[in-house]
Protein backbone atom coordinates (compact mmCIF):
# COMPACT_ATOMS: atom_id res chain seq x y z
CA UNK A 1 188.91 119.08 124.21
CA UNK A 2 191.87 117.39 125.89
CA UNK A 3 195.25 118.71 124.88
CA UNK A 4 196.56 115.33 123.74
CA UNK A 5 193.82 115.08 121.12
CA UNK A 6 194.97 118.11 119.14
CA UNK A 7 197.41 116.04 117.11
CA UNK A 8 194.68 113.68 115.86
CA UNK A 9 193.72 114.01 112.16
CA UNK A 10 190.70 116.23 111.58
CA UNK A 11 187.71 115.25 109.41
CA UNK A 12 185.22 117.94 108.36
CA UNK A 13 181.58 117.23 107.48
CA UNK A 14 180.39 119.67 104.82
CA UNK A 15 177.12 120.05 102.91
CA UNK A 16 173.98 122.09 102.63
CA UNK A 17 171.44 121.96 105.47
CA UNK A 18 169.30 118.91 106.21
CA UNK A 19 171.37 116.32 104.32
CA UNK A 20 172.15 114.41 107.53
CA UNK A 21 175.54 115.77 108.63
CA UNK A 22 174.57 115.89 112.30
CA UNK A 23 173.22 112.34 112.22
CA UNK A 24 176.46 111.20 110.61
CA UNK A 25 178.44 113.13 113.23
CA UNK A 26 176.57 111.29 116.00
CA UNK A 27 177.19 107.98 114.21
CA UNK A 28 180.93 108.63 113.95
CA UNK A 29 181.42 109.65 117.58
CA UNK A 30 179.11 106.92 118.86
CA UNK A 31 176.83 109.11 120.94
CA UNK A 32 174.26 111.83 120.49
CA UNK A 33 176.12 115.14 120.58
CA UNK A 34 174.84 117.07 117.56
CA UNK A 35 171.20 118.12 117.62
CA UNK A 36 169.25 116.42 114.83
CA UNK A 37 166.20 118.11 113.33
CA UNK A 38 164.68 118.46 109.88
CA UNK A 39 164.62 122.26 110.13
CA UNK A 40 167.38 123.69 107.91
CA UNK A 41 170.03 125.61 109.83
CA UNK A 42 169.71 123.83 113.19
CA UNK A 43 173.50 123.41 113.31
CA UNK A 44 174.88 126.95 113.38
CA UNK A 45 178.15 126.42 115.21
CA UNK A 46 180.97 124.00 114.63
CA UNK A 47 180.70 120.95 116.90
CA UNK A 48 183.86 118.94 117.41
CA UNK A 49 184.48 115.60 119.11
CA UNK A 50 186.85 112.64 119.03
CA UNK A 51 185.58 109.68 117.02
CA UNK A 52 186.62 106.09 117.66
CA UNK A 53 185.21 104.72 114.42
CA UNK A 54 185.79 101.03 113.60
CA UNK A 55 189.34 101.19 114.90
CA UNK A 56 190.11 104.68 113.51
CA UNK A 57 190.60 107.54 115.97
CA UNK A 58 190.25 111.11 114.71
CA UNK A 59 188.66 114.46 115.43
CA UNK A 60 185.47 115.21 113.52
CA UNK A 61 183.82 118.59 112.99
CA UNK A 62 180.12 118.97 112.19
CA UNK A 63 180.07 122.27 110.29
CA UNK A 64 177.08 124.55 109.92
CA UNK A 65 175.12 123.79 106.79
CA UNK A 66 176.38 125.90 103.91
CA UNK A 67 173.19 127.81 103.35
CA UNK A 68 171.91 128.53 99.89
CA UNK A 69 172.06 132.33 99.55
CA UNK A 70 168.52 132.30 98.19
CA UNK A 71 167.13 130.57 101.32
CA UNK A 72 164.86 132.62 103.55
CA UNK A 73 165.38 130.68 106.79
CA UNK A 74 168.36 132.71 108.03
CA UNK A 75 169.65 136.25 107.68
CA UNK A 76 172.46 137.16 105.28
CA UNK A 77 174.77 137.95 108.20
CA UNK A 78 174.16 134.57 109.87
CA UNK A 79 174.61 132.76 106.56
CA UNK A 80 177.97 134.47 106.02
CA UNK A 81 179.04 133.57 109.55
CA UNK A 82 178.17 129.93 108.94
CA UNK A 83 180.16 130.01 105.70
CA UNK A 84 183.25 131.40 107.46
CA UNK A 85 183.03 128.76 110.19
CA UNK A 86 182.83 126.05 107.54
CA UNK A 87 185.75 127.47 105.55
CA UNK A 88 187.86 127.55 108.72
CA UNK A 89 187.05 123.88 109.38
CA UNK A 90 187.94 122.89 105.81
CA UNK A 91 191.33 124.61 106.02
CA UNK A 92 192.17 122.73 109.22
CA UNK A 93 190.88 119.35 108.02
CA UNK A 94 192.95 116.52 106.62
CA UNK A 95 190.00 115.25 104.58
CA UNK A 96 186.51 116.60 103.83
CA UNK A 97 183.35 114.50 103.78
CA UNK A 98 180.96 116.19 101.33
CA UNK A 99 177.46 114.96 102.25
CA UNK A 100 174.65 114.83 99.66
CA UNK A 101 171.01 113.85 100.12
CA UNK A 102 170.51 110.55 98.25
CA UNK A 103 166.74 110.99 98.00
CA UNK A 104 166.71 114.58 96.75
CA UNK A 105 169.87 114.23 94.63
CA UNK A 106 172.21 117.07 93.73
CA UNK A 107 170.68 120.53 93.72
CA UNK A 108 172.20 123.47 91.81
CA UNK A 109 173.69 124.60 95.11
CA UNK A 110 175.35 121.20 95.59
CA UNK A 111 177.04 121.77 92.25
CA UNK A 112 178.18 125.19 93.45
CA UNK A 113 179.49 123.63 96.67
CA UNK A 114 181.41 121.01 94.69
CA UNK A 115 183.16 123.78 92.74
CA UNK A 116 183.87 125.64 95.99
CA UNK A 117 185.34 122.53 97.62
CA UNK A 118 187.48 121.71 94.59
CA UNK A 119 189.12 125.14 94.94
CA UNK A 120 190.20 124.39 98.52
CA UNK A 121 192.76 121.75 97.38
CA UNK A 122 191.73 119.26 100.04
CA UNK A 123 191.00 115.51 99.67
CA UNK A 124 187.24 115.13 99.27
CA UNK A 125 185.08 112.05 99.84
CA UNK A 126 181.53 112.33 98.53
CA UNK A 127 178.93 110.64 100.74
CA UNK A 128 175.42 109.98 99.43
CA UNK A 129 173.37 109.84 102.62
CA UNK A 130 169.88 108.33 103.07
CA UNK A 131 170.81 105.49 100.69
CA UNK A 132 169.03 102.71 102.59
CA UNK A 133 166.52 102.04 99.77
CA UNK A 134 166.27 101.85 96.01
CA UNK A 135 165.03 105.46 95.85
CA UNK A 136 168.64 106.71 96.19
CA UNK A 137 169.86 105.59 92.74
CA UNK A 138 169.38 109.04 91.17
CA UNK A 139 171.24 110.71 94.02
CA UNK A 140 174.15 108.30 93.57
CA UNK A 141 174.19 108.97 89.83
CA UNK A 142 174.18 112.72 90.44
CA UNK A 143 177.07 112.40 92.89
CA UNK A 144 179.10 110.33 90.42
CA UNK A 145 178.81 113.10 87.84
CA UNK A 146 180.38 115.73 90.15
CA UNK A 147 183.88 114.63 89.17
CA UNK A 148 185.06 114.30 92.79
CA UNK A 149 185.72 110.56 92.64
CA UNK A 150 183.48 107.57 93.26
CA UNK A 151 180.77 108.40 95.84
CA UNK A 152 180.14 106.25 98.91
CA UNK A 153 176.53 105.29 99.68
CA UNK A 154 175.64 105.50 103.37
CA UNK A 155 172.69 105.75 105.70
CA UNK A 156 173.80 107.61 108.80
CA UNK A 157 170.47 106.96 110.50
CA UNK A 158 170.62 103.18 110.01
CA UNK A 159 174.39 102.68 110.09
CA UNK A 160 174.64 101.36 106.53
CA UNK A 161 177.78 101.85 104.43
CA UNK A 162 179.99 102.49 107.45
CA UNK A 163 182.50 99.81 106.43
CA UNK A 164 182.89 101.48 103.02
CA UNK A 165 183.41 104.83 104.75
CA UNK A 166 186.05 103.30 107.04
CA UNK A 167 187.81 101.84 103.99
CA UNK A 168 188.20 105.20 102.22
CA UNK A 169 188.99 107.13 105.43
CA UNK A 170 191.75 104.79 106.59
CA UNK A 171 194.53 106.14 104.29
CA UNK A 172 193.97 109.65 105.69
CA UNK A 173 193.59 108.63 109.34
CA UNK A 174 195.76 105.59 109.98
CA UNK A 175 199.22 107.11 109.80
CA UNK A 176 200.83 104.95 112.48
CA UNK A 177 202.36 102.64 109.88
CA UNK A 178 203.46 103.19 106.32
CA UNK A 179 202.55 99.98 104.53
CA UNK A 180 202.42 99.00 100.92
CA UNK A 181 199.08 99.59 99.24
CA UNK A 182 198.31 95.91 98.84
CA UNK A 183 198.96 95.26 102.55
CA UNK A 184 196.59 98.09 103.51
CA UNK A 185 193.87 96.61 101.33
CA UNK A 186 194.35 93.16 102.87
CA UNK A 187 194.07 94.60 106.39
CA UNK A 188 190.94 96.50 105.44
CA UNK A 189 189.32 93.36 104.03
CA UNK A 190 190.19 91.54 107.24
CA UNK A 191 188.55 94.33 109.23
CA UNK A 192 185.41 94.04 107.13
CA UNK A 193 185.10 90.35 107.92
CA UNK A 194 185.13 91.16 111.64
CA UNK A 195 181.90 93.11 111.34
CA UNK A 196 178.63 91.22 111.84
CA UNK A 197 176.89 89.74 108.82
CA UNK A 198 173.14 90.47 108.99
CA UNK A 199 171.46 87.21 108.02
CA UNK A 200 167.65 86.99 107.81
CA UNK A 201 165.75 83.69 107.75
CA UNK A 202 162.44 84.08 105.90
CA UNK A 203 159.66 81.95 104.45
CA UNK A 204 156.08 80.83 104.79
CA UNK A 205 154.82 79.67 108.21
CA UNK A 206 155.77 76.19 109.34
CA UNK A 207 158.55 75.56 106.80
CA UNK A 208 161.14 75.09 109.55
CA UNK A 209 162.70 78.53 109.96
CA UNK A 210 162.94 78.41 113.75
CA UNK A 211 164.23 74.84 113.64
CA UNK A 212 166.95 76.04 111.26
CA UNK A 213 167.83 78.87 113.64
CA UNK A 214 168.07 76.45 116.57
CA UNK A 215 170.29 74.13 114.53
CA UNK A 216 172.55 76.97 113.48
CA UNK A 217 172.89 78.17 117.07
CA UNK A 218 173.36 74.67 118.41
CA UNK A 219 170.83 75.26 121.16
CA UNK A 220 167.07 75.55 121.50
CA UNK A 221 166.69 79.32 121.54
CA UNK A 222 163.51 79.60 119.47
CA UNK A 223 160.10 78.12 120.21
CA UNK A 224 159.11 75.57 117.56
CA UNK A 225 155.79 73.81 116.91
CA UNK A 226 153.74 72.36 114.10
CA UNK A 227 151.23 75.19 114.45
CA UNK A 228 151.79 77.96 111.88
CA UNK A 229 152.53 81.36 113.32
CA UNK A 230 154.37 80.42 116.51
CA UNK A 231 157.04 83.03 115.75
CA UNK A 232 155.33 86.42 115.78
CA UNK A 233 158.27 88.82 116.01
CA UNK A 234 161.55 89.19 114.16
CA UNK A 235 164.12 88.12 116.76
CA UNK A 236 167.81 89.07 116.39
CA UNK A 237 170.37 86.64 117.80
CA UNK A 238 174.13 87.15 117.91
CA UNK A 239 176.12 84.14 116.79
CA UNK A 240 179.45 83.05 115.32
CA UNK A 241 180.20 80.56 112.57
CA UNK A 242 183.80 79.63 111.84
CA UNK A 243 185.00 82.83 113.50
CA UNK A 244 182.60 85.15 111.65
CA UNK A 245 180.24 87.27 113.73
CA UNK A 246 176.63 87.01 112.54
CA UNK A 247 173.45 88.81 113.50
CA UNK A 248 170.83 86.13 112.87
CA UNK A 249 167.20 87.18 112.46
CA UNK A 250 164.31 84.68 112.56
CA UNK A 251 161.28 86.47 111.12
CA UNK A 252 157.64 85.66 111.56
CA UNK A 253 156.26 83.37 108.88
CA UNK A 254 154.72 85.45 106.11
CA UNK A 255 151.31 84.20 104.97
CA UNK A 256 149.41 85.07 101.85
CA UNK A 257 148.15 88.63 102.03
CA UNK A 258 144.50 87.49 101.98
CA UNK A 259 145.14 85.46 105.15
CA UNK A 260 146.78 88.27 107.07
CA UNK A 261 143.72 89.27 109.05
CA UNK A 262 144.75 89.68 112.66
CA UNK A 263 146.44 92.94 113.58
CA UNK A 264 149.29 91.02 115.21
CA UNK A 265 149.96 89.18 111.95
CA UNK A 266 149.90 92.43 109.97
CA UNK A 267 152.51 93.77 112.37
CA UNK A 268 154.55 90.58 111.93
CA UNK A 269 154.58 91.04 108.16
CA UNK A 270 155.63 94.68 108.53
CA UNK A 271 158.40 93.62 110.92
CA UNK A 272 159.66 91.01 108.45
CA UNK A 273 159.67 93.56 105.64
CA UNK A 274 161.56 96.03 107.85
CA UNK A 275 164.10 93.31 108.64
CA UNK A 276 164.56 92.74 104.93
CA UNK A 277 165.57 96.35 104.38
CA UNK A 278 168.51 96.00 106.77
CA UNK A 279 169.60 92.44 105.95
CA UNK A 280 172.76 91.60 104.04
CA UNK A 281 171.79 88.06 103.03
CA UNK A 282 168.33 86.45 103.11
CA UNK A 283 167.82 82.69 103.33
CA UNK A 284 164.35 81.91 101.96
CA UNK A 285 163.27 78.56 103.42
CA UNK A 286 160.99 76.29 101.36
CA UNK A 287 159.36 73.06 102.53
CA UNK A 288 160.68 70.33 100.22
CA UNK A 289 158.26 67.71 101.54
CA UNK A 290 155.12 69.21 100.01
CA UNK A 291 153.89 68.34 96.50
CA UNK A 292 156.04 69.78 93.69
CA UNK A 293 153.22 71.92 92.28
CA UNK A 294 152.95 73.67 95.68
CA UNK A 295 156.69 73.82 96.27
CA UNK A 296 157.20 77.43 95.32
CA UNK A 297 153.95 79.37 95.49
CA UNK A 298 153.16 82.90 94.42
CA UNK A 299 153.80 84.01 97.99
CA UNK A 300 157.40 82.69 97.82
CA UNK A 301 157.94 84.34 94.45
CA UNK A 302 156.63 87.66 95.76
CA UNK A 303 158.91 87.48 98.81
CA UNK A 304 161.93 86.53 96.69
CA UNK A 305 161.12 89.40 94.33
CA UNK A 306 161.02 91.79 97.29
CA UNK A 307 164.44 90.58 98.44
CA UNK A 308 165.92 91.15 94.98
CA UNK A 309 164.12 94.46 94.48
CA UNK A 310 165.53 95.67 97.78
CA UNK A 311 168.96 94.69 96.49
CA UNK A 312 169.70 91.96 99.04
CA UNK A 313 171.59 88.73 98.40
CA UNK A 314 169.26 85.71 98.26
CA UNK A 315 169.72 81.98 98.89
CA UNK A 316 167.01 79.30 98.72
CA UNK A 317 167.14 76.55 101.35
CA UNK A 318 165.01 73.48 100.56
CA UNK A 319 164.22 72.15 104.02
CA UNK A 320 163.13 68.59 104.96
CA UNK A 321 165.36 67.26 102.16
CA UNK A 322 165.43 63.85 103.86
CA UNK A 323 161.71 63.52 103.06
CA UNK A 324 162.06 64.32 99.33
CA UNK A 325 161.61 61.31 97.04
CA UNK A 326 162.52 62.64 93.56
CA UNK A 327 165.45 64.86 94.46
CA UNK A 328 166.88 65.55 90.98
CA UNK A 329 163.44 66.28 89.54
CA UNK A 330 162.68 68.71 92.36
CA UNK A 331 165.99 70.58 91.90
CA UNK A 332 165.41 70.86 88.16
CA UNK A 333 161.88 72.21 88.74
CA UNK A 334 163.14 74.82 91.21
CA UNK A 335 165.97 75.95 88.95
CA UNK A 336 163.56 76.40 86.03
CA UNK A 337 161.23 78.47 88.23
CA UNK A 338 164.07 80.69 89.41
CA UNK A 339 165.48 81.24 85.91
CA UNK A 340 162.03 82.21 84.61
CA UNK A 341 161.11 84.60 87.41
CA UNK A 342 164.47 86.04 88.48
CA UNK A 343 166.61 86.62 85.43
CA UNK A 344 167.89 89.81 87.10
CA UNK A 345 169.58 87.67 89.79
CA UNK A 346 170.52 84.65 87.71
CA UNK A 347 172.35 81.86 89.51
CA UNK A 348 170.61 82.04 92.93
CA UNK A 349 172.08 79.28 95.09
CA UNK A 350 169.70 76.43 95.97
CA UNK A 351 170.87 74.44 99.00
CA UNK A 352 169.04 71.25 100.13
CA UNK A 353 169.03 70.96 103.94
CA UNK A 354 167.39 69.17 106.82
CA UNK A 355 167.26 71.62 109.73
CA UNK A 356 165.87 68.99 112.10
CA UNK A 357 168.60 66.45 111.32
CA UNK A 358 171.43 69.03 110.98
CA UNK A 359 172.16 68.08 107.37
CA UNK A 360 174.00 70.36 104.88
CA UNK A 361 174.18 73.29 107.31
CA UNK A 362 177.85 73.89 106.53
CA UNK A 363 177.27 74.10 102.73
CA UNK A 364 174.43 76.54 103.43
CA UNK A 365 176.70 78.84 105.44
CA UNK A 366 179.48 78.55 102.84
CA UNK A 367 176.95 79.73 100.26
CA UNK A 368 175.97 82.63 102.56
CA UNK A 369 179.59 83.77 102.87
CA UNK A 370 180.21 83.43 99.14
CA UNK A 371 177.18 85.47 98.09
CA UNK A 372 177.89 88.12 100.75
CA UNK A 373 181.42 88.55 99.42
CA UNK A 374 180.11 89.04 95.87
CA UNK A 375 177.40 91.39 97.17
CA UNK A 376 180.07 93.57 98.82
CA UNK A 377 182.41 93.52 95.84
CA UNK A 378 183.83 96.77 94.47
CA UNK A 379 185.51 96.67 91.05
CA UNK A 380 188.30 99.11 90.07
CA UNK A 381 187.24 101.71 87.51
CA UNK A 382 190.18 100.98 85.20
CA UNK A 383 189.35 97.27 85.11
CA UNK A 384 185.68 98.02 84.45
CA UNK A 385 186.49 100.24 81.49
CA UNK A 386 188.81 97.67 79.94
CA UNK A 387 185.97 95.18 80.32
CA UNK A 388 183.42 97.60 78.83
CA UNK A 389 185.63 98.25 75.80
CA UNK A 390 186.02 94.50 75.26
CA UNK A 391 182.24 93.87 75.47
CA UNK A 392 181.43 96.77 73.12
CA UNK A 393 184.08 95.66 70.61
CA UNK A 394 182.66 92.13 70.59
CA UNK A 395 179.03 93.20 70.45
CA UNK A 396 178.49 96.87 69.51
CA UNK A 397 175.39 98.65 70.76
CA UNK A 398 172.63 99.09 68.13
CA UNK A 399 172.11 101.95 65.70
CA UNK A 400 169.18 104.23 66.54
CA UNK A 401 167.93 106.94 64.14
CA UNK A 402 171.01 106.48 61.97
CA UNK A 403 173.51 106.83 64.83
CA UNK A 404 175.13 104.08 66.85
CA UNK A 405 174.76 104.19 70.64
CA UNK A 406 178.27 104.39 72.08
CA UNK A 407 178.91 103.43 75.71
CA UNK A 408 182.01 105.45 76.62
CA UNK A 409 182.76 105.10 80.29
CA UNK A 410 181.77 103.00 83.29
CA UNK A 411 182.20 103.22 87.05
CA UNK A 412 180.83 101.41 90.08
CA UNK A 413 178.82 103.85 92.17
CA UNK A 414 178.05 101.54 95.10
CA UNK A 415 178.22 97.99 96.39
CA UNK A 416 175.56 96.00 98.29
CA UNK A 417 174.31 95.35 95.67
CA UNK A 418 176.90 96.13 92.98
CA UNK A 419 175.56 99.17 91.13
CA UNK A 420 177.19 100.70 88.06
CA UNK A 421 176.84 103.83 85.97
CA UNK A 422 177.53 103.75 82.24
CA UNK A 423 178.00 107.11 80.51
CA UNK A 424 176.86 106.76 76.92
CA UNK A 425 175.38 108.56 73.95
CA UNK A 426 171.58 108.27 73.60
CA UNK A 427 171.09 106.66 77.01
CA UNK A 428 167.31 106.84 76.70
CA UNK A 429 167.41 104.71 73.55
CA UNK A 430 169.52 101.90 75.03
CA UNK A 431 167.48 98.70 74.43
CA UNK A 432 166.76 96.30 77.28
CA UNK A 433 168.45 93.49 75.39
CA UNK A 434 171.78 95.34 75.43
CA UNK A 435 171.35 96.18 79.11
CA UNK A 436 170.86 92.46 79.81
CA UNK A 437 173.95 91.70 77.72
CA UNK A 438 176.09 93.93 79.95
CA UNK A 439 174.51 92.74 83.22
CA UNK A 440 174.91 89.07 82.30
CA UNK A 441 178.49 89.78 81.23
CA UNK A 442 179.29 91.41 84.58
CA UNK A 443 177.78 88.47 86.43
CA UNK A 444 179.73 85.86 84.45
CA UNK A 445 183.05 87.65 83.96
CA UNK A 446 183.38 88.89 87.55
CA UNK A 447 181.84 85.81 89.24
CA UNK A 448 178.78 87.38 90.86
CA UNK A 449 176.04 84.70 90.61
CA UNK A 450 172.75 85.02 92.41
CA UNK A 451 172.89 88.68 93.41
CA UNK A 452 171.02 91.62 91.89
CA UNK A 453 173.26 93.73 89.68
CA UNK A 454 172.10 97.23 88.76
CA UNK A 455 173.40 99.12 85.75
CA UNK A 456 172.21 102.69 85.12
CA UNK A 457 172.80 104.62 81.91
CA UNK A 458 173.37 108.35 81.68
CA UNK A 459 173.73 110.62 78.66
CA UNK A 460 176.58 112.77 79.85
CA UNK A 461 180.13 113.65 79.07
CA UNK A 462 182.47 111.40 81.01
CA UNK A 463 183.25 113.48 84.12
CA UNK A 464 186.58 111.72 84.63
CA UNK A 465 187.81 111.80 81.01
CA UNK A 466 190.60 114.24 81.78
CA UNK A 467 191.98 112.17 84.67
């Protein structure tokens, strides 16, 4: 290490083996230094490098995995050596990143590690890794119950959640200026807007997706034709709109499953579904010129449901609007269909456009920016709990088996999409109607229309009650 780097703040990655610390280390430093393997104990020495991470410069240490004493993979002597190396790194660090496996959740040894870390009197940020899909909800809930502050959901492998990590790291790393808290938050928000927005264009074949992409880009970059299936691959295109960097993805048209016969089309569908997993906002394009009864078919509903289930922000673009005769009737029909099928993402924006004639493109992009901002929103815990108390006072939860269910505490455990944990008595008996009451209240009171909101309930003592 160069001598002039010794004064940089030090960040230590800590956690049990195989939770993804080495992958995160590589992500932070921007190159492959740490060996990545799914065999526990691959990292047995501290690896240190300088990270230039979204404008933050610091030293980062990838510590050996703190091995469970009951594990058989390594000897007792080696395990103790790994523990001493990790302890040395923690003592030297300015902040500790405690990494947890989002799929597996917290193990008993994670709980032991959390107690060990709390005793070191160091700032701790809990990272729930492998959070790229909906399977990570339990891991996030487990992490929230550790009492080490609100966890940050990330996927080191896919680069997700890095802006959230930068946001919480900045106060520990960026010491060049001492600014007021509100100014720091404004600068961080400005930094977020400089990062590319991943925008996917999806829909059935021949609805005008590639024409929309060409119109957005202002040049003929994509091949267009009246023949369905011209676009076979998901193609990523870098672009800017009103100063915002955008990664634009035109996916292959997705046909009904029964029509997906050719191997190349099966691959196209898989590629589109993979694109969905890493999109921020999805624009689902519908052909407005076809008969109303065919306007939104089962295939569109299934695709929209996949977008919402994956937790992505969704916008409907009705293309070929210039060819629609009964415009108000069509909008009413679409709104009714959306309200019936997607109550969990009520208020999905419906934007009429003509991609070929460059009509209403600006309102479409304004809607994209608005829904992305709501999708990224993180609400302060104190504000959430004042809101929860107000909602419970106005509409108490029901009585079950002679005892009233009492929601006690609420925190946001992740954004993208906004996901919340409510600690309550008798969580398993909470009726769906009351869950909908809280979700609809969040959507209306905090202005988050058209995005999936997830609220999980846990029967547990409030881990932050003494704070």
